[in-house]
Structures are given as C-alpha cells and as structure tokens.
Amino acid sequence: MKLILHIGTDKTGTTAIQMHVHANREWLLDRGVYVPLTGLGKDNGHSKLLRALDSRDLSELAKELAIAEAHGYDSALLSWEGMSYMSSQEIAKLVNTLRLDNVWLLVYLREQADITQTGYLQEIKTDGSPITIEDFQRGALSPRGIRARMHCYSGTRNYARMLQRWMRVIQPGRVIVREFQRDKLVRGSVVDDFLSALGLSPDHHFCRVEHFSNPSLDVESAILLNTFDNESSGTLCRKTISFSLQSLVDSEGPGTRYFLSPERVSAIRRHYKRSNAAIADIIGTQLSPLFQTSPDCATAETLSSLSARVEMRASKLTALSVIPMLFATKRPHQRPPQGILTTGWGTIADGAWSLGETSLLQFRLPFWMSTRPRGEVAVFLKGRYTKSNSKTQVKINGVDFGWQNLSSFSREIRVPASCLGDNQTLEVELRHEFQEPPPSPVSGMELSALQLRRIGVQFFHPD
C-alpha cells in the first residue's frame, strides 16, 4: 500500500486541507484513499500522533494500516505540517515503525521572501516575537538589525535541506512538490490542488467545508502588538488585543501586507536560489524551476510613512476596547464584570442588582467565534429573584428569546454566530417582570427584580 505523507509546509493552506480530509473521510475511503483514525483531528490532521511519536500510538497506527491494506485500499494518507521540521532520527522512527516501503511525500512550498513576512505576521499574532517591524528596517550592523536579518535567512526555509533529511528513507522519484501560489493551484484552490495530487477530483458528493477565516495581521496591527509586547503597560491582556486587531482587519480589510524593502526581498531570493534549484536533483524527479513568477511582496513603505495609519488603527483599537471581551468558559462561573454592565444596574458585593424595568449588558467575543457561520454561541445567565419575581424577558442583539427563568442553573441561550454584531459584539437586554426591593436593600437603591450572579459563554459547532 502506498503511504502518502502530507508534510506541509507552514502557511500553505494546511488547515483547509485537513478540515476537508476530516469532513470527507468516507468520500476518500470510497475512492481507495485510507485516512487512519489513529490520532486524527478535525482541523489539525494527525498532529497529536505525529507530534509525540509515541511508540505505542505508532504501533497502533501500523496495525490500522495493515488492516486497511488487507481490505484492499490502494493508498493511505497522513497529514501534519510539523513533519517538515522533523529531525533525521524522528523521520527514521516514523517510517521504520510503520514498516512500509512504499512511502511518498506531498509537500507545498511557499516562496521564501513571502513566507518570511506572512510567517512573521502569523507568529506575532499568536505567540509574539522578540523581533519588531522596526528591527527589519534597522541597519544590518545593529544588534537588533542582525537578529532580524537572521530571521530572514532562517534555515527552516531551506527546503532543499529539509528534503535531504527525508530522502534518507524515501526512494527517489517519490516526492510530489507543489508550489503554493494562487495561480499555480488547480482552480486556484489548495483543496482542489491537493485532491489532484492524490489523483482525484471533487464531485457533487464532495463536501465543501464552510469558509474558515484565519486572517493574518497587517503590518499596522503588528506594530501595535510590538509596542504592547515591549512596553507591557496596557491594562488589556495580549489575547484581547490580538483578537481585537483581527476583528478590525476583518471588518475594514487589511492594510499594509508586507514590510521588507525591495533590496531585502532580492537578497533573500538570492540567498535561497541555489538551494531551490537543487531540489530536483535531491528528490530525483523532473521539476519545473521553483518560484519563477515570484509574488510581489516588497514595499517602499517606511515606519514614518506608516505612522498615520498606525495611529488611526490605535484609536480604533482604543474605542473598541471600551467594550469588554468575554472568553469561553467550561462553566458560567464568573461574576458579571463591571465593564459589561451598561445601564439599569446597581452593584453590591455578591452580584449585580437590576434597577428599573430594563437592564442592559454589552460585551464582545473573541474574533474566531464569528468565523464559522454555522456555529452557535451559548450565553449562560444565572440570577436570583426578589420575592415572587420568577422570570425575565431576554433579547440578544434584538432577537427575542422570550421570558426565561434565570434562577435555574444554568440557563443557556444559544445565539447563531451569524447574529453577532460588528466586531463580535453581543448586547443583552433584560426586561424585568416587576420590581420589588431586594432582601437587603442598599441605601438609595431603586426597586430591583433580579440579582445577576453568574455569566459565561461557550461556543458550539456542528462539525
């Protein structure tokens, strides 16, 4: 049986491929391609299995592949972009444990000057980086400039060296190299291109997974995160800032996409030219020269020319940050944060008491919750009524969910993710049945019907 290892690399549509593989596993099985269940995730391929390389899990995989071969499957597929970073020892362990001699590689490569920048913007979005956008524009002899220069010539983007490690266990001619550039992909789609590499073509039975938006930050947003990381003087957590910036980029469209000068881009391409040209000889197959039509990824912009747009983005971020962000919790355990109580509330130590006939809550959700239209956001509200009060009319973003008893634990109200407001905002309107004084009236406090004691959110997705 032919084992195909889809090894990435980074920023080449791997998540989209893996989501479609998971959703279309039966479709692939019907066409002779076996997708092992051992270690298979919904949107990360076989990451859990291949990251750990646990001997017991690998033995279980080997048994599963042997059964699949006995049932007549022509090929099997494993996918994880981290395989492109495996050491020679890890590669040997993987291939030798599986005891298969017909192993093929499928790898997508992205032009180095392009991935240097898009990869950095992805890194700064999720984990942060000691290198700043300003460092890339410093002189080559300054300490921080040298560090940025080293990032531009990272050995992880030497694809020839990476493939050399694999060719110690892969026979020549068994490597499929695809160039990740929109006009080079089948029908401009990495999913269709991936199927083509497997010798397949989508039909009306093939399930298209809904659009999953995972935008990179633009340069303006990265500069703001650089400032936050270096100063650490803000009152907001980094995760909140990152999600807020993603929301602004998504709603307004990206600003500046690239930050390297034409001179630096040309230098990067010269640096990798020889190793890229050597790939065909290394893998032992005919291969068209890579990156002959390189993407236009250089910019003449300087930090000073970007300053006005950075300041505009900063002002929008400040305005947006006035609305607190709630993160998903396993249980609605948190007390209502003061910032989400907009009107119609008075507070005491153990919760928020309603004031008057109507009380409003407003908060934002992390950006990713709005990227899957079929998802649902569950809003949990837990309260205590005064005397004989027993129900509350709940409206969320204008949708009336009727009269609810919020004293039952825990009241869950599901809202389609498509109903989220601008920048993933939720406004909850609580209309009270009637008002009576709370058990322990606060001096000067108006009549109250409900004490809101707990609030929380969770995300659900049918896939």
Protein backbone atom coordinates (compact mmCIF):
# COMPACT_ATOMS: atom_id res chain seq x y z
CA MET A 1 0.00 0.00 0.00
CA LYS A 2 1.17 3.49 -0.87
CA LEU A 3 1.52 5.78 2.18
CA ILE A 4 1.33 9.50 1.36
CA LEU A 5 2.78 11.87 3.95
CA HIS A 6 1.46 15.41 3.52
CA ILE A 7 4.15 17.37 5.37
CA GLY A 8 3.05 21.00 4.90
CA THR A 9 4.85 23.43 4.99
CA ASP A 10 3.67 26.45 7.05
CA LYS A 11 1.16 28.93 5.62
CA THR A 12 0.30 26.72 2.65
CA GLY A 13 -3.37 26.06 3.31
CA THR A 14 -2.74 23.02 5.50
CA THR A 15 -5.65 23.71 7.87
CA ALA A 16 -8.10 23.97 4.97
CA ILE A 17 -6.80 20.68 3.57
CA GLN A 18 -7.06 18.91 6.91
CA MET A 19 -10.58 20.17 7.58
CA HIS A 20 -11.69 18.82 4.19
CA VAL A 21 -9.92 15.50 4.74
CA HIS A 22 -11.75 15.04 8.05
CA ALA A 23 -15.13 16.06 6.60
CA ASN A 24 -14.65 13.84 3.53
CA ARG A 25 -13.06 10.79 5.09
CA GLU A 26 -15.82 8.49 3.78
CA TRP A 27 -15.56 10.11 0.34
CA LEU A 28 -11.82 9.37 0.31
CA LEU A 29 -12.36 5.81 1.54
CA ASP A 30 -14.80 5.18 -1.32
CA ARG A 31 -12.04 6.22 -3.72
CA GLY A 32 -9.35 3.98 -2.28
CA VAL A 33 -7.58 6.50 -0.03
CA TYR A 34 -7.50 5.36 3.58
CA VAL A 35 -7.32 8.06 6.25
CA PRO A 36 -6.25 6.49 9.58
CA LEU A 37 -8.38 7.27 12.62
CA THR A 38 -5.43 6.92 14.97
CA GLY A 39 -4.58 10.46 16.08
CA LEU A 40 -6.89 12.14 13.54
CA GLY A 41 -8.18 15.61 14.48
CA LYS A 42 -10.91 17.73 12.93
CA ASP A 43 -8.71 20.57 11.71
CA ASN A 44 -5.12 19.58 12.50
CA GLY A 45 -4.70 16.29 10.67
CA HIS A 46 -2.61 13.75 12.58
CA SER A 47 -0.86 16.38 14.69
CA LYS A 48 -1.49 14.67 18.02
CA LEU A 49 0.01 11.40 16.76
CA LEU A 50 2.98 12.77 14.86
CA ARG A 51 3.97 15.48 17.31
CA ALA A 52 4.52 12.95 20.11
CA LEU A 53 5.71 9.96 18.02
CA ASP A 54 4.71 7.71 20.90
CA SER A 55 5.81 4.16 20.12
CA ARG A 56 2.51 2.64 21.26
CA ASP A 57 0.47 5.01 19.11
CA LEU A 58 2.72 4.36 16.12
CA SER A 59 2.32 0.60 16.61
CA GLU A 60 -1.45 1.08 16.73
CA LEU A 61 -1.24 3.06 13.50
CA ALA A 62 0.85 0.33 11.87
CA LYS A 63 -1.84 -2.23 12.78
CA GLU A 64 -4.58 0.00 11.38
CA LEU A 65 -2.67 0.46 8.11
CA ALA A 66 -2.08 -3.30 7.85
CA ILE A 67 -5.83 -3.94 8.22
CA ALA A 68 -6.58 -1.26 5.61
CA GLU A 69 -4.15 -2.87 3.18
CA ALA A 70 -5.74 -6.26 3.79
CA HIS A 71 -9.10 -4.73 2.87
CA GLY A 72 -7.71 -3.64 -0.48
CA TYR A 73 -7.00 0.06 -0.04
CA ASP A 74 -4.55 1.38 -2.62
CA SER A 75 -3.14 4.22 -0.54
CA ALA A 76 -3.23 5.85 2.88
CA LEU A 77 -2.79 9.47 3.95
CA LEU A 78 -1.19 11.15 6.96
CA SER A 79 -1.08 14.93 7.30
CA TRP A 80 0.79 17.29 9.63
CA GLU A 81 2.81 20.34 8.65
CA GLY A 82 5.17 19.72 11.57
CA MET A 83 6.67 16.79 9.68
CA SER A 84 8.64 19.31 7.64
CA TYR A 85 10.59 20.14 10.82
CA MET A 86 11.31 16.55 11.87
CA SER A 87 14.89 15.53 12.53
CA SER A 88 16.50 12.63 10.70
CA GLN A 89 16.04 10.46 13.81
CA GLU A 90 12.32 11.28 14.04
CA ILE A 91 11.81 10.60 10.34
CA ALA A 92 13.55 7.23 10.63
CA LYS A 93 11.47 6.29 13.69
CA LEU A 94 8.22 7.16 11.91
CA VAL A 95 8.95 5.29 8.68
CA ASN A 96 10.62 2.27 10.29
CA THR A 97 7.84 1.79 12.86
CA LEU A 98 5.18 1.79 10.16
CA ARG A 99 7.11 -0.92 8.28
CA LEU A 100 6.07 0.35 4.85
CA ASP A 101 8.48 0.62 1.95
CA ASN A 102 6.19 2.50 -0.46
CA VAL A 103 6.23 5.92 1.23
CA TRP A 104 5.60 9.13 -0.70
CA LEU A 105 5.92 12.78 0.28
CA LEU A 106 3.50 15.54 -0.69
CA VAL A 107 4.85 18.97 0.14
CA TYR A 108 3.70 22.51 -0.58
CA LEU A 109 6.36 25.19 -0.74
CA ARG A 110 5.88 28.94 -0.43
CA GLU A 111 8.40 31.42 -1.78
CA GLN A 112 10.85 32.40 0.96
CA ALA A 113 10.61 36.20 0.81
CA ASP A 114 6.83 35.85 1.01
CA ILE A 115 6.72 33.34 3.87
CA THR A 116 9.34 35.32 5.81
CA GLN A 117 6.81 38.13 6.11
CA THR A 118 3.50 36.26 6.28
CA GLY A 119 5.03 33.81 8.74
CA TYR A 120 6.23 36.65 10.97
CA LEU A 121 2.78 38.28 10.97
CA GLN A 122 1.26 34.92 11.95
CA GLU A 123 3.84 34.48 14.70
CA ILE A 124 3.27 37.94 16.16
CA LYS A 125 -0.48 37.30 16.16
CA THR A 126 -0.32 34.14 18.23
CA ASP A 127 2.88 33.98 20.27
CA GLY A 128 4.66 37.28 19.90
CA SER A 129 8.25 37.75 18.80
CA PRO A 130 11.37 39.43 20.20
CA ILE A 131 11.86 40.91 16.72
CA THR A 132 9.86 44.01 15.77
CA ILE A 133 8.88 45.50 12.44
CA GLU A 134 11.29 48.33 13.20
CA ASP A 135 14.14 45.82 13.55
CA PHE A 136 13.70 44.77 9.93
CA GLN A 137 14.38 48.36 8.88
CA ARG A 138 17.44 48.88 11.09
CA GLY A 139 20.97 48.85 9.80
CA ALA A 140 22.46 45.43 9.22
CA LEU A 141 25.23 46.02 11.79
CA SER A 142 23.00 46.97 14.74
CA PRO A 143 22.37 44.11 17.23
CA ARG A 144 18.60 44.12 16.68
CA GLY A 145 19.08 44.51 12.93
CA ILE A 146 21.31 41.42 12.90
CA ARG A 147 18.62 39.44 14.71
CA ALA A 148 16.03 40.49 12.13
CA ARG A 149 18.44 39.61 9.33
CA MET A 150 18.90 36.12 10.78
CA HIS A 151 15.12 35.71 10.74
CA CYS A 152 15.13 36.50 7.01
CA TYR A 153 17.61 33.71 6.30
CA SER A 154 16.24 31.06 8.62
CA GLY A 155 17.40 27.52 7.97
CA THR A 156 13.81 26.30 8.38
CA ARG A 157 13.06 27.76 4.96
CA ASN A 158 15.89 25.93 3.26
CA TYR A 159 13.60 23.43 1.55
CA ALA A 160 16.46 21.51 -0.03
CA ARG A 161 17.98 20.76 3.36
CA MET A 162 14.60 19.70 4.71
CA LEU A 163 14.02 17.32 1.80
CA GLN A 164 17.52 15.89 2.13
CA ARG A 165 16.59 14.61 5.59
CA TRP A 166 13.58 12.83 4.16
CA MET A 167 15.41 11.37 1.18
CA ARG A 168 17.43 9.16 3.54
CA VAL A 169 14.32 6.97 3.85
CA ILE A 170 12.29 7.97 0.77
CA GLN A 171 13.13 6.47 -2.61
CA PRO A 172 13.97 8.92 -5.44
CA GLY A 173 11.00 9.96 -7.54
CA ARG A 174 8.51 9.60 -4.69
CA VAL A 175 8.23 13.25 -3.73
CA ILE A 176 5.41 15.45 -5.04
CA VAL A 177 6.29 19.14 -4.84
CA ARG A 178 3.53 21.72 -5.28
CA GLU A 179 4.13 25.44 -5.39
CA PHE A 180 1.80 27.39 -3.11
CA GLN A 181 0.83 30.35 -5.23
CA ARG A 182 -2.76 31.04 -6.22
CA ASP A 183 -2.20 30.94 -9.97
CA LYS A 184 -0.26 27.67 -9.66
CA LEU A 185 -3.04 25.80 -7.82
CA VAL A 186 -5.74 23.78 -9.56
CA ARG A 187 -8.71 26.13 -9.98
CA GLY A 188 -6.95 28.49 -7.60
CA SER A 189 -7.86 26.23 -4.67
CA VAL A 190 -5.38 24.42 -2.44
CA VAL A 191 -8.05 21.80 -1.64
CA ASP A 192 -8.67 21.03 -5.33
CA ASP A 193 -4.93 21.02 -5.92
CA PHE A 194 -4.41 18.58 -3.05
CA LEU A 195 -7.04 16.23 -4.49
CA SER A 196 -5.37 16.49 -7.89
CA ALA A 197 -2.06 15.45 -6.30
CA LEU A 198 -3.87 12.35 -4.99
CA GLY A 199 -5.20 11.63 -8.47
CA LEU A 200 -8.74 12.68 -7.52
CA SER A 201 -11.20 15.38 -8.50
CA PRO A 202 -14.10 16.74 -6.41
CA ASP A 203 -17.63 15.82 -7.49
CA HIS A 204 -21.10 16.65 -6.22
CA HIS A 205 -20.64 14.19 -3.35
CA PHE A 206 -17.55 16.03 -2.09
CA CYS A 207 -18.35 18.17 0.97
CA ARG A 208 -17.03 21.72 0.86
CA VAL A 209 -16.24 22.87 4.38
CA GLU A 210 -17.56 26.33 5.12
CA HIS A 211 -15.18 29.24 4.95
CA PHE A 212 -12.92 29.43 7.95
CA SER A 213 -11.36 32.86 8.28
CA ASN A 214 -7.92 32.99 9.84
CA PRO A 215 -6.55 36.30 8.62
CA SER A 216 -3.01 37.33 9.31
CA LEU A 217 -2.50 40.68 10.93
CA ASP A 218 -1.44 43.54 8.73
CA VAL A 219 1.75 45.49 9.35
CA GLU A 220 -0.06 48.31 11.18
CA SER A 221 -1.52 45.84 13.68
CA ALA A 222 1.82 44.07 14.11
CA ILE A 223 3.46 47.39 15.00
CA LEU A 224 0.84 47.94 17.71
CA LEU A 225 1.45 44.47 19.13
CA ASN A 226 5.20 45.13 19.02
CA THR A 227 4.61 48.21 21.15
CA PHE A 228 2.46 46.30 23.62
CA ASP A 229 4.99 43.47 23.92
CA ASN A 230 7.88 45.86 24.51
CA GLU A 231 6.14 48.18 26.96
CA SER A 232 3.68 45.79 28.65
CA SER A 233 1.99 48.85 30.10
CA GLY A 234 -1.55 48.21 28.86
CA THR A 235 -4.40 47.10 31.08
CA LEU A 236 -5.69 44.65 28.46
CA CYS A 237 -4.32 41.16 28.08
CA ARG A 238 -2.42 40.39 24.89
CA LYS A 239 -5.01 37.88 23.73
CA THR A 240 -7.72 40.54 23.90
CA ILE A 241 -5.64 42.97 21.87
CA SER A 242 -4.77 40.36 19.25
CA PHE A 243 -8.41 39.31 18.79
CA SER A 244 -9.49 42.95 18.63
CA LEU A 245 -6.95 43.71 15.92
CA GLN A 246 -8.02 40.64 13.95
CA SER A 247 -11.59 41.88 14.19
CA LEU A 248 -10.64 45.31 12.87
CA VAL A 249 -8.64 43.82 10.00
CA ASP A 250 -11.52 41.53 9.11
CA SER A 251 -14.17 44.27 9.20
CA GLU A 252 -12.17 47.01 7.50
CA GLY A 253 -9.93 44.96 5.24
CA PRO A 254 -6.18 44.53 5.68
CA GLY A 255 -3.81 47.46 5.50
CA THR A 256 -0.17 47.01 4.58
CA ARG A 257 0.66 43.36 3.83
CA TYR A 258 4.47 43.44 3.55
CA PHE A 259 7.28 45.20 5.39
CA LEU A 260 10.54 44.23 3.65
CA SER A 261 12.27 46.58 1.23
CA PRO A 262 12.88 45.58 -2.42
CA GLU A 263 16.59 45.28 -1.61
CA ARG A 264 15.96 42.87 1.27
CA VAL A 265 13.50 40.80 -0.76
CA SER A 266 16.03 40.48 -3.59
CA ALA A 267 18.72 39.45 -1.12
CA ILE A 268 16.50 36.72 0.36
CA ARG A 269 15.77 35.33 -3.09
CA ARG A 270 19.46 35.29 -3.97
CA HIS A 271 20.19 33.51 -0.69
CA TYR A 272 17.80 30.61 -1.43
CA LYS A 273 18.23 30.47 -5.21
CA ARG A 274 20.89 27.76 -5.22
CA SER A 275 19.14 25.51 -2.69
CA ASN A 276 15.81 25.84 -4.52
CA ALA A 277 17.50 24.87 -7.78
CA ALA A 278 18.98 21.77 -6.11
CA ILE A 279 15.61 20.34 -5.07
CA ALA A 280 15.00 18.48 -8.34
CA ASP A 281 18.33 16.64 -8.05
CA ILE A 282 17.75 15.87 -4.38
CA ILE A 283 14.32 14.27 -4.87
CA GLY A 284 15.31 12.57 -8.13
CA THR A 285 12.47 13.74 -10.33
CA GLN A 286 11.75 16.26 -13.07
CA LEU A 287 10.66 19.54 -11.55
CA SER A 288 9.95 22.90 -13.13
CA PRO A 289 12.12 25.68 -11.67
CA LEU A 290 10.50 26.94 -8.48
CA PHE A 291 9.23 30.47 -7.96
CA GLN A 292 9.87 31.70 -11.47
CA THR A 293 6.97 34.11 -11.10
CA SER A 294 7.63 35.30 -7.57
CA PRO A 295 4.90 37.20 -5.71
CA ASP A 296 5.23 40.96 -5.42
CA CYS A 297 5.98 41.12 -1.71
CA ALA A 298 8.29 44.13 -1.35
CA THR A 299 7.30 47.57 -0.12
CA ALA A 300 8.81 51.02 -0.25
CA GLU A 301 6.89 52.00 2.92
CA THR A 302 8.89 53.19 5.94
CA LEU A 303 7.81 53.38 9.55
CA SER A 304 7.34 57.14 9.25
CA SER A 305 5.09 56.75 6.22
CA LEU A 306 3.04 54.17 8.13
CA SER A 307 2.68 56.26 11.29
CA ALA A 308 -0.63 57.94 10.36
CA ARG A 309 -2.29 54.60 9.59
CA VAL A 310 -0.86 53.07 12.77
CA GLU A 311 -2.28 55.93 14.83
CA MET A 312 -5.68 55.52 13.17
CA ARG A 313 -5.67 51.81 13.95
CA ALA A 314 -4.61 52.55 17.53
CA SER A 315 -7.51 54.97 18.02
CA LYS A 316 -9.99 52.40 16.71
CA LEU A 317 -8.49 49.77 18.98
CA THR A 318 -8.88 52.10 21.97
CA ALA A 319 -12.52 52.80 21.10
CA LEU A 320 -13.24 49.10 20.64
CA SER A 321 -11.53 48.16 23.90
CA VAL A 322 -14.12 50.12 25.86
CA ILE A 323 -16.41 47.12 25.33
CA PRO A 324 -15.04 44.24 27.45
CA MET A 325 -14.33 40.84 25.91
CA LEU A 326 -15.64 37.63 27.44
CA PHE A 327 -13.80 34.39 26.76
CA ALA A 328 -15.39 30.95 26.65
CA THR A 329 -15.56 29.13 29.97
CA LYS A 330 -16.30 25.50 30.76
CA ARG A 331 -18.85 26.64 33.32
CA PRO A 332 -20.54 30.04 33.71
CA HIS A 333 -18.64 30.64 36.91
CA GLN A 334 -17.60 34.26 36.68
CA ARG A 335 -19.37 37.15 38.29
CA PRO A 336 -20.57 39.78 35.85
CA PRO A 337 -17.55 42.03 35.20
CA GLN A 338 -18.26 45.65 36.00
CA GLY A 339 -17.46 46.76 32.45
CA ILE A 340 -20.24 44.78 30.79
CA LEU A 341 -22.99 46.38 32.91
CA THR A 342 -24.14 49.29 30.77
CA THR A 343 -27.47 50.66 32.03
CA GLY A 344 -30.08 49.58 34.55
CA TRP A 345 -27.70 48.12 37.13
CA GLY A 346 -26.54 48.73 40.65
CA THR A 347 -23.88 46.56 42.23
CA ILE A 348 -23.23 45.08 45.64
CA ALA A 349 -20.59 42.63 46.78
CA ASP A 350 -22.17 39.36 45.66
CA GLY A 351 -23.59 40.32 42.24
CA ALA A 352 -25.30 42.97 40.15
CA TRP A 353 -28.81 44.11 41.05
CA SER A 354 -31.14 45.34 38.36
CA LEU A 355 -32.51 48.87 38.56
CA GLY A 356 -35.74 49.83 36.87
CA GLU A 357 -37.65 47.95 34.18
CA THR A 358 -34.78 47.17 31.80
CA SER A 359 -31.11 46.28 32.27
CA LEU A 360 -28.51 46.06 29.51
CA LEU A 361 -25.27 44.07 29.15
CA GLN A 362 -22.77 44.56 26.36
CA PHE A 363 -19.62 42.59 25.65
CA ARG A 364 -17.52 41.24 22.79
CA LEU A 365 -16.45 37.71 21.94
CA PRO A 366 -13.08 36.54 20.57
CA PHE A 367 -12.80 37.08 16.83
CA TRP A 368 -12.61 33.40 15.90
CA MET A 369 -16.14 32.75 17.19
CA SER A 370 -17.57 34.62 14.20
CA THR A 371 -15.53 32.80 11.57
CA ARG A 372 -17.80 29.76 11.31
CA PRO A 373 -21.29 30.86 10.31
CA ARG A 374 -22.93 27.60 11.40
CA GLY A 375 -21.54 27.93 14.90
CA GLU A 376 -23.57 28.91 17.92
CA VAL A 377 -22.69 30.96 20.97
CA ALA A 378 -24.30 29.81 24.21
CA VAL A 379 -24.86 32.64 26.68
CA PHE A 380 -25.25 31.50 30.28
CA LEU A 381 -27.09 33.71 32.75
CA LYS A 382 -27.69 32.78 36.40
CA GLY A 383 -29.58 35.01 38.77
CA ARG A 384 -31.68 35.24 41.89
CA TYR A 385 -35.09 36.87 42.00
CA THR A 386 -36.55 39.01 44.74
CA LYS A 387 -39.59 37.63 46.47
CA SER A 388 -42.17 36.37 43.94
CA ASN A 389 -40.40 37.52 40.79
CA SER A 390 -39.68 34.48 38.62
CA LYS A 391 -38.90 35.39 35.02
CA THR A 392 -37.08 37.80 32.71
CA GLN A 393 -37.61 38.67 29.07
CA VAL A 394 -34.29 38.18 27.25
CA LYS A 395 -33.30 39.84 23.98
CA ILE A 396 -29.87 39.33 22.45
CA ASN A 397 -28.87 41.58 19.58
CA GLY A 398 -32.54 42.36 19.03
CA VAL A 399 -33.68 38.71 18.90
CA ASP A 400 -36.40 38.00 21.45
CA PHE A 401 -35.85 34.73 23.34
CA GLY A 402 -38.99 35.17 25.40
CA TRP A 403 -39.46 35.06 29.15
CA GLN A 404 -36.83 32.97 30.88
CA ASN A 405 -36.38 31.78 34.45
CA LEU A 406 -32.79 32.78 35.09
CA SER A 407 -32.68 31.23 38.55
CA SER A 408 -32.37 27.67 37.15
CA PHE A 409 -28.75 26.56 36.81
CA SER A 410 -27.63 27.14 34.29
CA ARG A 411 -29.88 28.88 31.83
CA GLU A 412 -28.39 28.54 28.35
CA ILE A 413 -29.50 30.73 25.46
CA ARG A 414 -28.00 29.83 22.09
CA VAL A 415 -27.34 32.54 19.54
CA PRO A 416 -26.22 31.79 15.94
CA ALA A 417 -22.71 33.09 15.36
CA SER A 418 -24.06 34.84 12.27
CA CYS A 419 -26.12 37.09 14.60
CA LEU A 420 -23.08 38.61 16.27
CA GLY A 421 -22.87 42.36 15.85
CA ASP A 422 -19.99 44.41 14.50
CA ASN A 423 -16.67 43.33 15.99
CA GLN A 424 -18.35 40.27 17.54
CA THR A 425 -20.49 42.34 19.92
CA LEU A 426 -23.43 40.98 21.93
CA GLU A 427 -25.96 43.25 23.58
CA VAL A 428 -28.22 41.52 26.09
CA GLU A 429 -31.42 43.28 27.10
CA LEU A 430 -33.18 42.00 30.23
CA ARG A 431 -36.73 43.22 30.77
CA HIS A 432 -37.95 42.51 34.27
CA GLU A 433 -41.33 41.07 35.17
CA PHE A 434 -41.86 43.56 38.00
CA GLN A 435 -39.78 45.09 40.75
CA GLU A 436 -39.66 44.53 44.49
CA PRO A 437 -37.00 45.54 46.98
CA PRO A 438 -34.03 43.15 47.31
CA PRO A 439 -33.72 41.12 50.53
CA SER A 440 -31.07 43.51 51.90
CA PRO A 441 -31.86 46.91 50.37
CA VAL A 442 -28.94 49.20 49.67
CA SER A 443 -29.48 52.77 50.80
CA GLY A 444 -30.82 54.86 47.95
CA MET A 445 -31.17 51.85 45.68
CA GLU A 446 -34.19 51.77 43.38
CA LEU A 447 -36.58 48.87 43.23
CA SER A 448 -34.94 45.72 41.92
CA ALA A 449 -36.23 42.44 40.48
CA LEU A 450 -33.10 40.39 39.70
CA GLN A 451 -29.66 39.82 41.07
CA LEU A 452 -27.37 38.63 38.24
CA ARG A 453 -24.78 36.41 39.89
CA ARG A 454 -23.08 34.47 37.09
CA ILE A 455 -22.43 34.90 33.39
CA GLY A 456 -20.46 32.91 30.82
CA VAL A 457 -20.22 31.98 27.15
CA GLN A 458 -19.36 28.82 25.23
CA PHE A 459 -19.00 28.06 21.53
CA PHE A 460 -20.58 25.13 19.69
CA HIS A 461 -20.01 24.00 16.12
CA PRO A 462 -21.79 21.13 14.34
CA ASP A 463 -18.55 19.79 12.85
